Amino acid sequence: MKGYAAYAKVQPTKEGYRDLEYKVLGTVTGALIKASEPETELADKFNAVLWNEKVWNAFRCDLSSPDNQLPDELKASLISLAIWVSKETNRVMDHLADLDGLISINRQVMAGLAPKD
């Protein structure tokens, strides 16, 4: 699976997990954008979509942990997004939706995670 090779290259930095989350989302979003191109094979599209869902499932697990120190309201909102990503993934897999929604959500979350200069 081509998309997973890029994931292996993402490493934590001295800035911490926020930076890592930003980079992981950037990498998987790049795979989704590439997968949305018309000439992309169906298997590559599905691999990117499923990889994205795994990323969001990992976020959801972390957000559900009692050790997660984010404010409860923010955690609840992000868990809701993770649930939406799972549902939208199913819609994409069933050919009922394109990748635009998944790409948009990732970009919006990335904007919130972006390093502040």
PDB file of N, CA and C in Angstrom:
ATOM      1  N   MET A   1       0.833  -1.169   0.000  1.00  0.00           N
ATOM      2  CA  MET A   1       0.000   0.000   0.000  1.00  0.00           C
ATOM      3  C   MET A   1       0.881   1.236   0.000  1.00  0.00           C
ATOM      4  N   LYS A   2       0.757   2.007  -1.019  1.00  0.00           N
ATOM      5  CA  LYS A   2       1.630   3.155  -1.238  1.00  0.00           C
ATOM      6  C   LYS A   2       1.513   4.210  -0.147  1.00  0.00           C
ATOM      7  N   GLY A   3       0.309   4.496   0.315  1.00  0.00           N
ATOM      8  CA  GLY A   3       0.090   5.552   1.296  1.00  0.00           C
ATOM      9  C   GLY A   3       0.763   5.298   2.624  1.00  0.00           C
ATOM     10  N   TYR A   4       0.829   4.057   3.039  1.00  0.00           N
ATOM     11  CA  TYR A   4       1.402   3.744   4.338  1.00  0.00           C
ATOM     12  C   TYR A   4       2.900   3.990   4.386  1.00  0.00           C
ATOM     13  N   ALA A   5       3.581   3.925   3.273  1.00  0.00           N
ATOM     14  CA  ALA A   5       5.017   4.195   3.254  1.00  0.00           C
ATOM     15  C   ALA A   5       5.292   5.631   3.696  1.00  0.00           C
ATOM     16  N   ALA A   6       4.458   6.548   3.276  1.00  0.00           N
ATOM     17  CA  ALA A   6       4.626   7.947   3.672  1.00  0.00           C
ATOM     18  C   ALA A   6       4.382   8.110   5.164  1.00  0.00           C
ATOM     19  N   TYR A   7       3.456   7.360   5.725  1.00  0.00           N
ATOM     20  CA  TYR A   7       3.147   7.452   7.148  1.00  0.00           C
ATOM     21  C   TYR A   7       4.359   7.078   7.989  1.00  0.00           C
ATOM     22  N   ALA A   8       5.101   6.083   7.548  1.00  0.00           N
ATOM     23  CA  ALA A   8       6.261   5.621   8.299  1.00  0.00           C
ATOM     24  C   ALA A   8       7.331   6.710   8.398  1.00  0.00           C
ATOM     25  N   LYS A   9       7.322   7.669   7.506  1.00  0.00           N
ATOM     26  CA  LYS A   9       8.334   8.727   7.495  1.00  0.00           C
ATOM     27  C   LYS A   9       8.016   9.860   8.469  1.00  0.00           C
ATOM     28  N   VAL A  10       6.804   9.899   9.001  1.00  0.00           N
ATOM     29  CA  VAL A  10       6.408  10.973   9.904  1.00  0.00           C
ATOM     30  C   VAL A  10       6.912  10.628  11.302  1.00  0.00           C
ATOM     31  N   GLN A  11       7.721  11.507  11.856  1.00  0.00           N
ATOM     32  CA  GLN A  11       8.327  11.284  13.173  1.00  0.00           C
ATOM     33  C   GLN A  11       8.006  12.448  14.100  1.00  0.00           C
ATOM     34  N   PRO A  12       7.906  12.165  15.416  1.00  0.00           N
ATOM     35  CA  PRO A  12       7.681  13.272  16.353  1.00  0.00           C
ATOM     36  C   PRO A  12       8.850  14.255  16.317  1.00  0.00           C
ATOM     37  N   THR A  13       8.569  15.484  16.624  1.00  0.00           N
ATOM     38  CA  THR A  13       9.610  16.501  16.662  1.00  0.00           C
ATOM     39  C   THR A  13       9.699  17.053  18.077  1.00  0.00           C
ATOM     40  N   LYS A  14      10.624  17.933  18.287  1.00  0.00           N
ATOM     41  CA  LYS A  14      10.779  18.540  19.608  1.00  0.00           C
ATOM     42  C   LYS A  14       9.551  19.365  19.993  1.00  0.00           C
ATOM     43  N   GLU A  15       8.746  19.753  19.017  1.00  0.00           N
ATOM     44  CA  GLU A  15       7.546  20.533  19.298  1.00  0.00           C
ATOM     45  C   GLU A  15       6.456  19.686  19.945  1.00  0.00           C
ATOM     46  N   GLY A  16       6.512  18.364  19.800  1.00  0.00           N
ATOM     47  CA  GLY A  16       5.575  17.490  20.485  1.00  0.00           C
ATOM     48  C   GLY A  16       4.507  16.900  19.590  1.00  0.00           C
ATOM     49  N   TYR A  17       3.469  16.403  20.254  1.00  0.00           N
ATOM     50  CA  TYR A  17       2.436  15.646  19.562  1.00  0.00           C
ATOM     51  C   TYR A  17       1.574  16.497  18.648  1.00  0.00           C
ATOM     52  N   ARG A  18       1.366  17.731  18.990  1.00  0.00           N
ATOM     53  CA  ARG A  18       0.567  18.617  18.122  1.00  0.00           C
ATOM     54  C   ARG A  18       1.203  18.709  16.736  1.00  0.00           C
ATOM     55  N   ASP A  19       2.516  18.880  16.720  1.00  0.00           N
ATOM     56  CA  ASP A  19       3.242  18.942  15.456  1.00  0.00           C
ATOM     57  C   ASP A  19       3.165  17.604  14.716  1.00  0.00           C
ATOM     58  N   LEU A  20       3.280  16.519  15.453  1.00  0.00           N
ATOM     59  CA  LEU A  20       3.174  15.193  14.848  1.00  0.00           C
ATOM     60  C   LEU A  20       1.788  14.979  14.237  1.00  0.00           C
ATOM     61  N   GLU A  21       0.753  15.354  14.971  1.00  0.00           N
ATOM     62  CA  GLU A  21      -0.616  15.221  14.461  1.00  0.00           C
ATOM     63  C   GLU A  21      -0.799  16.040  13.186  1.00  0.00           C
ATOM     64  N   TYR A  22      -0.245  17.237  13.179  1.00  0.00           N
ATOM     65  CA  TYR A  22      -0.312  18.095  11.992  1.00  0.00           C
ATOM     66  C   TYR A  22       0.357  17.402  10.803  1.00  0.00           C
ATOM     67  N   LYS A  23       1.542  16.860  11.033  1.00  0.00           N
ATOM     68  CA  LYS A  23       2.273  16.203   9.947  1.00  0.00           C
ATOM     69  C   LYS A  23       1.570  14.943   9.460  1.00  0.00           C
ATOM     70  N   VAL A  24       1.035  14.151  10.385  1.00  0.00           N
ATOM     71  CA  VAL A  24       0.303  12.936   9.990  1.00  0.00           C
ATOM     72  C   VAL A  24      -0.916  13.313   9.156  1.00  0.00           C
ATOM     73  N   LEU A  25      -1.679  14.301   9.617  1.00  0.00           N
ATOM     74  CA  LEU A  25      -2.847  14.737   8.844  1.00  0.00           C
ATOM     75  C   LEU A  25      -2.435  15.292   7.482  1.00  0.00           C
ATOM     76  N   GLY A  26      -1.327  16.012   7.438  1.00  0.00           N
ATOM     77  CA  GLY A  26      -0.847  16.540   6.158  1.00  0.00           C
ATOM     78  C   GLY A  26      -0.480  15.426   5.195  1.00  0.00           C
ATOM     79  N   THR A  27       0.167  14.405   5.715  1.00  0.00           N
ATOM     80  CA  THR A  27       0.578  13.283   4.865  1.00  0.00           C
ATOM     81  C   THR A  27      -0.625  12.502   4.359  1.00  0.00           C
ATOM     82  N   VAL A  28      -1.551  12.198   5.242  1.00  0.00           N
ATOM     83  CA  VAL A  28      -2.729  11.431   4.815  1.00  0.00           C
ATOM     84  C   VAL A  28      -3.636  12.272   3.916  1.00  0.00           C
ATOM     85  N   THR A  29      -3.695  13.577   4.162  1.00  0.00           N
ATOM     86  CA  THR A  29      -4.496  14.451   3.291  1.00  0.00           C
ATOM     87  C   THR A  29      -3.886  14.502   1.897  1.00  0.00           C
ATOM     88  N   GLY A  30      -2.568  14.548   1.829  1.00  0.00           N
ATOM     89  CA  GLY A  30      -1.899  14.483   0.519  1.00  0.00           C
ATOM     90  C   GLY A  30      -2.258  13.203  -0.221  1.00  0.00           C
ATOM     91  N   ALA A  31      -2.329  12.088   0.503  1.00  0.00           N
ATOM     92  CA  ALA A  31      -2.720  10.815  -0.121  1.00  0.00           C
ATOM     93  C   ALA A  31      -4.168  10.875  -0.603  1.00  0.00           C
ATOM     94  N   LEU A  32      -5.043  11.514   0.178  1.00  0.00           N
ATOM     95  CA  LEU A  32      -6.450  11.651  -0.244  1.00  0.00           C
ATOM     96  C   LEU A  32      -6.566  12.529  -1.490  1.00  0.00           C
ATOM     97  N   ILE A  33      -5.793  13.604  -1.531  1.00  0.00           N
ATOM     98  CA  ILE A  33      -5.833  14.496  -2.703  1.00  0.00           C
ATOM     99  C   ILE A  33      -5.370  13.741  -3.940  1.00  0.00           C
ATOM    100  N   LYS A  34      -4.284  13.002  -3.806  1.00  0.00           N
ATOM    101  CA  LYS A  34      -3.789  12.202  -4.931  1.00  0.00           C
ATOM    102  C   LYS A  34      -4.819  11.150  -5.332  1.00  0.00           C
ATOM    103  N   ALA A  35      -5.460  10.544  -4.336  1.00  0.00           N
ATOM    104  CA  ALA A  35      -6.465   9.518  -4.612  1.00  0.00           C
ATOM    105  C   ALA A  35      -7.704  10.081  -5.288  1.00  0.00           C
ATOM    106  N   SER A  36      -7.945  11.379  -5.149  1.00  0.00           N
ATOM    107  CA  SER A  36      -9.131  11.988  -5.755  1.00  0.00           C
ATOM    108  C   SER A  36      -8.946  12.290  -7.237  1.00  0.00           C
ATOM    109  N   GLU A  37      -7.711  12.125  -7.731  1.00  0.00           N
ATOM    110  CA  GLU A  37      -7.462  12.358  -9.150  1.00  0.00           C
ATOM    111  C   GLU A  37      -8.153  11.273  -9.980  1.00  0.00           C
ATOM    112  N   PRO A  38      -8.724  11.664 -11.119  1.00  0.00           N
ATOM    113  CA  PRO A  38      -9.524  10.725 -11.920  1.00  0.00           C
ATOM    114  C   PRO A  38      -8.790   9.449 -12.343  1.00  0.00           C
ATOM    115  N   GLU A  39      -7.482   9.552 -12.579  1.00  0.00           N
ATOM    116  CA  GLU A  39      -6.749   8.381 -13.075  1.00  0.00           C
ATOM    117  C   GLU A  39      -6.329   7.416 -11.967  1.00  0.00           C
ATOM    118  N   THR A  40      -6.634   7.744 -10.705  1.00  0.00           N
ATOM    119  CA  THR A  40      -6.240   6.889  -9.584  1.00  0.00           C
ATOM    120  C   THR A  40      -7.031   5.589  -9.609  1.00  0.00           C
ATOM    121  N   GLU A  41      -6.311   4.483  -9.422  1.00  0.00           N
ATOM    122  CA  GLU A  41      -6.965   3.177  -9.373  1.00  0.00           C
ATOM    123  C   GLU A  41      -7.811   3.072  -8.115  1.00  0.00           C
ATOM    124  N   LEU A  42      -8.885   2.301  -8.205  1.00  0.00           N
ATOM    125  CA  LEU A  42      -9.824   2.159  -7.110  1.00  0.00           C
ATOM    126  C   LEU A  42      -9.134   1.648  -5.837  1.00  0.00           C
ATOM    127  N   ALA A  43      -8.237   0.687  -5.973  1.00  0.00           N
ATOM    128  CA  ALA A  43      -7.538   0.142  -4.801  1.00  0.00           C
ATOM    129  C   ALA A  43      -6.719   1.223  -4.095  1.00  0.00           C
ATOM    130  N   ASP A  44      -6.062   2.085  -4.842  1.00  0.00           N
ATOM    131  CA  ASP A  44      -5.273   3.162  -4.248  1.00  0.00           C
ATOM    132  C   ASP A  44      -6.179   4.183  -3.550  1.00  0.00           C
ATOM    133  N   LYS A  45      -7.334   4.444  -4.152  1.00  0.00           N
ATOM    134  CA  LYS A  45      -8.296   5.349  -3.536  1.00  0.00           C
ATOM    135  C   LYS A  45      -8.782   4.774  -2.208  1.00  0.00           C
ATOM    136  N   PHE A  46      -9.158   3.507  -2.220  1.00  0.00           N
ATOM    137  CA  PHE A  46      -9.647   2.882  -0.997  1.00  0.00           C
ATOM    138  C   PHE A  46      -8.556   2.803   0.064  1.00  0.00           C
ATOM    139  N   ASN A  47      -7.316   2.539  -0.334  1.00  0.00           N
ATOM    140  CA  ASN A  47      -6.206   2.493   0.629  1.00  0.00           C
ATOM    141  C   ASN A  47      -6.033   3.839   1.324  1.00  0.00           C
ATOM    142  N   ALA A  48      -6.122   4.918   0.562  1.00  0.00           N
ATOM    143  CA  ALA A  48      -5.983   6.257   1.148  1.00  0.00           C
ATOM    144  C   ALA A  48      -7.133   6.547   2.106  1.00  0.00           C
ATOM    145  N   VAL A  49      -8.332   6.186   1.718  1.00  0.00           N
ATOM    146  CA  VAL A  49      -9.512   6.434   2.551  1.00  0.00           C
ATOM    147  C   VAL A  49      -9.436   5.627   3.847  1.00  0.00           C
ATOM    148  N   LEU A  50      -9.029   4.374   3.741  1.00  0.00           N
ATOM    149  CA  LEU A  50      -8.930   3.532   4.933  1.00  0.00           C
ATOM    150  C   LEU A  50      -7.786   3.979   5.845  1.00  0.00           C
ATOM    151  N   TRP A  51      -6.701   4.452   5.250  1.00  0.00           N
ATOM    152  CA  TRP A  51      -5.595   4.983   6.039  1.00  0.00           C
ATOM    153  C   TRP A  51      -6.065   6.209   6.821  1.00  0.00           C
ATOM    154  N   ASN A  52      -6.806   7.093   6.160  1.00  0.00           N
ATOM    155  CA  ASN A  52      -7.354   8.273   6.814  1.00  0.00           C
ATOM    156  C   ASN A  52      -8.246   7.863   7.986  1.00  0.00           C
ATOM    157  N   GLU A  53      -9.062   6.854   7.770  1.00  0.00           N
ATOM    158  CA  GLU A  53      -9.947   6.398   8.848  1.00  0.00           C
ATOM    159  C   GLU A  53      -9.131   5.862  10.031  1.00  0.00           C
ATOM    160  N   LYS A  54      -8.048   5.163   9.754  1.00  0.00           N
ATOM    161  CA  LYS A  54      -7.192   4.660  10.835  1.00  0.00           C
ATOM    162  C   LYS A  54      -6.574   5.810  11.630  1.00  0.00           C
ATOM    163  N   VAL A  55      -6.165   6.844  10.938  1.00  0.00           N
ATOM    164  CA  VAL A  55      -5.614   8.023  11.626  1.00  0.00           C
ATOM    165  C   VAL A  55      -6.671   8.601  12.564  1.00  0.00           C
ATOM    166  N   TRP A  56      -7.879   8.770  12.048  1.00  0.00           N
ATOM    167  CA  TRP A  56      -8.950   9.335  12.862  1.00  0.00           C
ATOM    168  C   TRP A  56      -9.350   8.403  13.999  1.00  0.00           C
ATOM    169  N   ASN A  57      -9.285   7.091  13.785  1.00  0.00           N
ATOM    170  CA  ASN A  57      -9.566   6.153  14.869  1.00  0.00           C
ATOM    171  C   ASN A  57      -8.522   6.273  15.973  1.00  0.00           C
ATOM    172  N   ALA A  58      -7.271   6.488  15.580  1.00  0.00           N
ATOM    173  CA  ALA A  58      -6.209   6.691  16.576  1.00  0.00           C
ATOM    174  C   ALA A  58      -6.473   7.972  17.360  1.00  0.00           C
ATOM    175  N   PHE A  59      -6.880   9.035  16.669  1.00  0.00           N
ATOM    176  CA  PHE A  59      -7.228  10.278  17.353  1.00  0.00           C
ATOM    177  C   PHE A  59      -8.370  10.028  18.344  1.00  0.00           C
ATOM    178  N   ARG A  60      -9.375   9.303  17.881  1.00  0.00           N
ATOM    179  CA  ARG A  60     -10.551   9.030  18.711  1.00  0.00           C
ATOM    180  C   ARG A  60     -10.160   8.262  19.978  1.00  0.00           C
ATOM    181  N   CYS A  61      -9.302   7.277  19.843  1.00  0.00           N
ATOM    182  CA  CYS A  61      -8.837   6.518  21.010  1.00  0.00           C
ATOM    183  C   CYS A  61      -8.100   7.436  21.979  1.00  0.00           C
ATOM    184  N   ASP A  62      -7.228   8.282  21.442  1.00  0.00           N
ATOM    185  CA  ASP A  62      -6.483   9.204  22.297  1.00  0.00           C
ATOM    186  C   ASP A  62      -7.427  10.193  22.987  1.00  0.00           C
ATOM    187  N   LEU A  63      -8.384  10.692  22.248  1.00  0.00           N
ATOM    188  CA  LEU A  63      -9.321  11.660  22.814  1.00  0.00           C
ATOM    189  C   LEU A  63     -10.198  11.034  23.894  1.00  0.00           C
ATOM    190  N   SER A  64     -10.431   9.741  23.809  1.00  0.00           N
ATOM    191  CA  SER A  64     -11.270   9.033  24.779  1.00  0.00           C
ATOM    192  C   SER A  64     -10.507   8.644  26.043  1.00  0.00           C
ATOM    193  N   SER A  65      -9.209   8.775  26.001  1.00  0.00           N
ATOM    194  CA  SER A  65      -8.370   8.399  27.143  1.00  0.00           C
ATOM    195  C   SER A  65      -8.549   9.390  28.290  1.00  0.00           C
ATOM    196  N   PRO A  66      -8.626   8.881  29.514  1.00  0.00           N
ATOM    197  CA  PRO A  66      -8.714   9.786  30.660  1.00  0.00           C
ATOM    198  C   PRO A  66      -7.448  10.650  30.823  1.00  0.00           C
ATOM    199  N   ASP A  67      -6.349  10.228  30.215  1.00  0.00           N
ATOM    200  CA  ASP A  67      -5.092  10.989  30.292  1.00  0.00           C
ATOM    201  C   ASP A  67      -5.067  12.185  29.346  1.00  0.00           C
ATOM    202  N   ASN A  68      -6.007  12.235  28.383  1.00  0.00           N
ATOM    203  CA  ASN A  68      -6.028  13.344  27.433  1.00  0.00           C
ATOM    204  C   ASN A  68      -6.438  14.614  28.173  1.00  0.00           C
ATOM    205  N   GLN A  69      -5.625  15.653  28.051  1.00  0.00           N
ATOM    206  CA  GLN A  69      -5.842  16.868  28.828  1.00  0.00           C
ATOM    207  C   GLN A  69      -6.527  17.999  28.057  1.00  0.00           C
ATOM    208  N   LEU A  70      -7.009  17.721  26.866  1.00  0.00           N
ATOM    209  CA  LEU A  70      -7.755  18.750  26.137  1.00  0.00           C
ATOM    210  C   LEU A  70      -9.057  19.056  26.877  1.00  0.00           C
ATOM    211  N   PRO A  71      -9.584  20.255  26.697  1.00  0.00           N
ATOM    212  CA  PRO A  71     -10.884  20.580  27.300  1.00  0.00           C
ATOM    213  C   PRO A  71     -11.971  19.619  26.810  1.00  0.00           C
ATOM    214  N   ASP A  72     -12.887  19.267  27.704  1.00  0.00           N
ATOM    215  CA  ASP A  72     -13.928  18.282  27.377  1.00  0.00           C
ATOM    216  C   ASP A  72     -14.731  18.651  26.137  1.00  0.00           C
ATOM    217  N   GLU A  73     -15.056  19.925  25.985  1.00  0.00           N
ATOM    218  CA  GLU A  73     -15.847  20.373  24.833  1.00  0.00           C
ATOM    219  C   GLU A  73     -15.092  20.137  23.521  1.00  0.00           C
ATOM    220  N   LEU A  74     -13.800  20.429  23.517  1.00  0.00           N
ATOM    221  CA  LEU A  74     -12.982  20.204  22.328  1.00  0.00           C
ATOM    222  C   LEU A  74     -12.860  18.711  22.031  1.00  0.00           C
ATOM    223  N   LYS A  75     -12.645  17.913  23.074  1.00  0.00           N
ATOM    224  CA  LYS A  75     -12.570  16.461  22.879  1.00  0.00           C
ATOM    225  C   LYS A  75     -13.867  15.935  22.268  1.00  0.00           C
ATOM    226  N   ALA A  76     -14.992  16.377  22.799  1.00  0.00           N
ATOM    227  CA  ALA A  76     -16.291  15.918  22.285  1.00  0.00           C
ATOM    228  C   ALA A  76     -16.467  16.307  20.816  1.00  0.00           C
ATOM    229  N   SER A  77     -16.065  17.511  20.466  1.00  0.00           N
ATOM    230  CA  SER A  77     -16.184  17.958  19.071  1.00  0.00           C
ATOM    231  C   SER A  77     -15.305  17.121  18.146  1.00  0.00           C
ATOM    232  N   LEU A  78     -14.075  16.844  18.582  1.00  0.00           N
ATOM    233  CA  LEU A  78     -13.164  16.056  17.749  1.00  0.00           C
ATOM    234  C   LEU A  78     -13.609  14.600  17.655  1.00  0.00           C
ATOM    235  N   ILE A  79     -14.166  14.059  18.730  1.00  0.00           N
ATOM    236  CA  ILE A  79     -14.713  12.694  18.677  1.00  0.00           C
ATOM    237  C   ILE A  79     -15.882  12.654  17.703  1.00  0.00           C
ATOM    238  N   SER A  80     -16.711  13.680  17.712  1.00  0.00           N
ATOM    239  CA  SER A  80     -17.825  13.752  16.748  1.00  0.00           C
ATOM    240  C   SER A  80     -17.303  13.776  15.315  1.00  0.00           C
ATOM    241  N   LEU A  81     -16.222  14.520  15.081  1.00  0.00           N
ATOM    242  CA  LEU A  81     -15.610  14.538  13.749  1.00  0.00           C
ATOM    243  C   LEU A  81     -15.082  13.151  13.379  1.00  0.00           C
ATOM    244  N   ALA A  82     -14.474  12.464  14.327  1.00  0.00           N
ATOM    245  CA  ALA A  82     -13.959  11.117  14.054  1.00  0.00           C
ATOM    246  C   ALA A  82     -15.090  10.164  13.687  1.00  0.00           C
ATOM    247  N   ILE A  83     -16.214  10.297  14.351  1.00  0.00           N
ATOM    248  CA  ILE A  83     -17.384   9.468  14.024  1.00  0.00           C
ATOM    249  C   ILE A  83     -17.879   9.816  12.621  1.00  0.00           C
ATOM    250  N   TRP A  84     -17.923  11.106  12.298  1.00  0.00           N
ATOM    251  CA  TRP A  84     -18.328  11.527  10.956  1.00  0.00           C
ATOM    252  C   TRP A  84     -17.378  10.961   9.906  1.00  0.00           C
ATOM    253  N   VAL A  85     -16.065  11.009  10.178  1.00  0.00           N
ATOM    254  CA  VAL A  85     -15.076  10.477   9.228  1.00  0.00           C
ATOM    255  C   VAL A  85     -15.344   9.002   8.970  1.00  0.00           C
ATOM    256  N   SER A  86     -15.671   8.257  10.010  1.00  0.00           N
ATOM    257  CA  SER A  86     -15.965   6.838   9.845  1.00  0.00           C
ATOM    258  C   SER A  86     -17.197   6.624   8.952  1.00  0.00           C
ATOM    259  N   LYS A  87     -18.224   7.397   9.192  1.00  0.00           N
ATOM    260  CA  LYS A  87     -19.448   7.296   8.368  1.00  0.00           C
ATOM    261  C   LYS A  87     -19.177   7.724   6.928  1.00  0.00           C
ATOM    262  N   GLU A  88     -18.418   8.808   6.767  1.00  0.00           N
ATOM    263  CA  GLU A  88     -18.111   9.297   5.420  1.00  0.00           C
ATOM    264  C   GLU A  88     -17.213   8.308   4.676  1.00  0.00           C
ATOM    265  N   THR A  89     -16.331   7.652   5.401  1.00  0.00           N
ATOM    266  CA  THR A  89     -15.495   6.612   4.797  1.00  0.00           C
ATOM    267  C   THR A  89     -16.370   5.513   4.208  1.00  0.00           C
ATOM    268  N   ASN A  90     -17.375   5.106   4.947  1.00  0.00           N
ATOM    269  CA  ASN A  90     -18.306   4.088   4.430  1.00  0.00           C
ATOM    270  C   ASN A  90     -19.033   4.585   3.192  1.00  0.00           C
ATOM    271  N   ARG A  91     -19.420   5.846   3.194  1.00  0.00           N
ATOM    272  CA  ARG A  91     -20.107   6.409   2.020  1.00  0.00           C
ATOM    273  C   ARG A  91     -19.182   6.416   0.806  1.00  0.00           C
ATOM    274  N   VAL A  92     -17.899   6.755   1.017  1.00  0.00           N
ATOM    275  CA  VAL A  92     -16.929   6.741  -0.088  1.00  0.00           C
ATOM    276  C   VAL A  92     -16.750   5.316  -0.592  1.00  0.00           C
ATOM    277  N   MET A  93     -16.606   4.378   0.320  1.00  0.00           N
ATOM    278  CA  MET A  93     -16.405   2.981  -0.063  1.00  0.00           C
ATOM    279  C   MET A  93     -17.615   2.422  -0.829  1.00  0.00           C
ATOM    280  N   ASP A  94     -18.798   2.944  -0.516  1.00  0.00           N
ATOM    281  CA  ASP A  94     -20.025   2.522  -1.205  1.00  0.00           C
ATOM    282  C   ASP A  94     -20.299   3.356  -2.453  1.00  0.00           C
ATOM    283  N   HIS A  95     -19.354   4.215  -2.836  1.00  0.00           N
ATOM    284  CA  HIS A  95     -19.463   5.088  -4.019  1.00  0.00           C
ATOM    285  C   HIS A  95     -20.625   6.078  -3.912  1.00  0.00           C
ATOM    286  N   LEU A  96     -20.926   6.505  -2.681  1.00  0.00           N
ATOM    287  CA  LEU A  96     -22.000   7.467  -2.456  1.00  0.00           C
ATOM    288  C   LEU A  96     -21.465   8.877  -2.191  1.00  0.00           C
ATOM    289  N   ALA A  97     -20.142   8.995  -2.059  1.00  0.00           N
ATOM    290  CA  ALA A  97     -19.529  10.295  -1.795  1.00  0.00           C
ATOM    291  C   ALA A  97     -18.140  10.314  -2.418  1.00  0.00           C
ATOM    292  N   ASP A  98     -17.653  11.532  -2.672  1.00  0.00           N
ATOM    293  CA  ASP A  98     -16.275  11.665  -3.150  1.00  0.00           C
ATOM    294  C   ASP A  98     -15.379  11.987  -1.952  1.00  0.00           C
ATOM    295  N   LEU A  99     -14.157  12.329  -2.195  1.00  0.00           N
ATOM    296  CA  LEU A  99     -13.198  12.551  -1.114  1.00  0.00           C
ATOM    297  C   LEU A  99     -13.172  13.991  -0.598  1.00  0.00           C
ATOM    298  N   ASP A 100     -13.929  14.865  -1.217  1.00  0.00           N
ATOM    299  CA  ASP A 100     -13.874  16.282  -0.859  1.00  0.00           C
ATOM    300  C   ASP A 100     -14.167  16.551   0.611  1.00  0.00           C
ATOM    301  N   GLY A 101     -15.160  15.872   1.175  1.00  0.00           N
ATOM    302  CA  GLY A 101     -15.513  16.093   2.577  1.00  0.00           C
ATOM    303  C   GLY A 101     -14.395  15.697   3.522  1.00  0.00           C
ATOM    304  N   LEU A 102     -13.787  14.543   3.264  1.00  0.00           N
ATOM    305  CA  LEU A 102     -12.681  14.073   4.105  1.00  0.00           C
ATOM    306  C   LEU A 102     -11.486  15.018   4.005  1.00  0.00           C
ATOM    307  N   ILE A 103     -11.201  15.453   2.793  1.00  0.00           N
ATOM    308  CA  ILE A 103     -10.084  16.382   2.590  1.00  0.00           C
ATOM    309  C   ILE A 103     -10.356  17.697   3.309  1.00  0.00           C
ATOM    310  N   SER A 104     -11.565  18.196   3.211  1.00  0.00           N
ATOM    311  CA  SER A 104     -11.933  19.461   3.841  1.00  0.00           C
ATOM    312  C   SER A 104     -11.809  19.394   5.364  1.00  0.00           C
ATOM    313  N   ILE A 105     -12.325  18.335   5.966  1.00  0.00           N
ATOM    314  CA  ILE A 105     -12.242  18.185   7.422  1.00  0.00           C
ATOM    315  C   ILE A 105     -10.783  18.131   7.864  1.00  0.00           C
ATOM    316  N   ASN A 106      -9.977  17.350   7.158  1.00  0.00           N
ATOM    317  CA  ASN A 106      -8.557  17.263   7.519  1.00  0.00           C
ATOM    318  C   ASN A 106      -7.884  18.626   7.444  1.00  0.00           C
ATOM    319  N   ARG A 107      -8.174  19.361   6.388  1.00  0.00           N
ATOM    320  CA  ARG A 107      -7.567  20.690   6.235  1.00  0.00           C
ATOM    321  C   ARG A 107      -7.998  21.636   7.351  1.00  0.00           C
ATOM    322  N   GLN A 108      -9.252  21.564   7.747  1.00  0.00           N
ATOM    323  CA  GLN A 108      -9.739  22.438   8.816  1.00  0.00           C
ATOM    324  C   GLN A 108      -9.063  22.112  10.147  1.00  0.00           C
ATOM    325  N   VAL A 109      -8.911  20.831  10.433  1.00  0.00           N
ATOM    326  CA  VAL A 109      -8.248  20.434  11.674  1.00  0.00           C
ATOM    327  C   VAL A 109      -6.770  20.810  11.609  1.00  0.00           C
ATOM    328  N   MET A 110      -6.168  20.632  10.443  1.00  0.00           N
ATOM    329  CA  MET A 110      -4.761  21.029  10.280  1.00  0.00           C
ATOM    330  C   MET A 110      -4.584  22.528  10.537  1.00  0.00           C
ATOM    331  N   ALA A 111      -5.541  23.321  10.109  1.00  0.00           N
ATOM    332  CA  ALA A 111      -5.447  24.765  10.330  1.00  0.00           C
ATOM    333  C   ALA A 111      -5.428  25.067  11.832  1.00  0.00           C
ATOM    334  N   GLY A 112      -6.168  24.300  12.605  1.00  0.00           N
ATOM    335  CA  GLY A 112      -6.164  24.481  14.055  1.00  0.00           C
ATOM    336  C   GLY A 112      -4.888  23.989  14.718  1.00  0.00           C
ATOM    337  N   LEU A 113      -4.234  23.013  14.081  1.00  0.00           N
ATOM    338  CA  LEU A 113      -3.004  22.447  14.622  1.00  0.00           C
ATOM    339  C   LEU A 113      -1.750  23.142  14.121  1.00  0.00           C
ATOM    340  N   ALA A 114      -1.894  23.979  13.096  1.00  0.00           N
ATOM    341  CA  ALA A 114      -0.736  24.590  12.438  1.00  0.00           C
ATOM    342  C   ALA A 114       0.177  25.277  13.441  1.00  0.00           C
ATOM    343  N   PRO A 115       1.480  25.098  13.252  1.00  0.00           N
ATOM    344  CA  PRO A 115       2.434  25.758  14.139  1.00  0.00           C
ATOM    345  C   PRO A 115       2.247  27.271  14.093  1.00  0.00           C
ATOM    346  N   LYS A 116       2.275  27.870  15.266  1.00  0.00           N
ATOM    347  CA  LYS A 116       2.134  29.326  15.368  1.00  0.00           C
ATOM    348  C   LYS A 116       3.529  29.939  15.364  1.00  0.00           C
ATOM    349  N   ASP A 117       3.756  30.877  14.459  1.00  0.00           N
ATOM    350  CA  ASP A 117       5.075  31.531  14.366  1.00  0.00           C
ATOM    351  C   ASP A 117       5.218  32.647  15.358  1.00  0.00           C
TER     352      ASP A 117
END
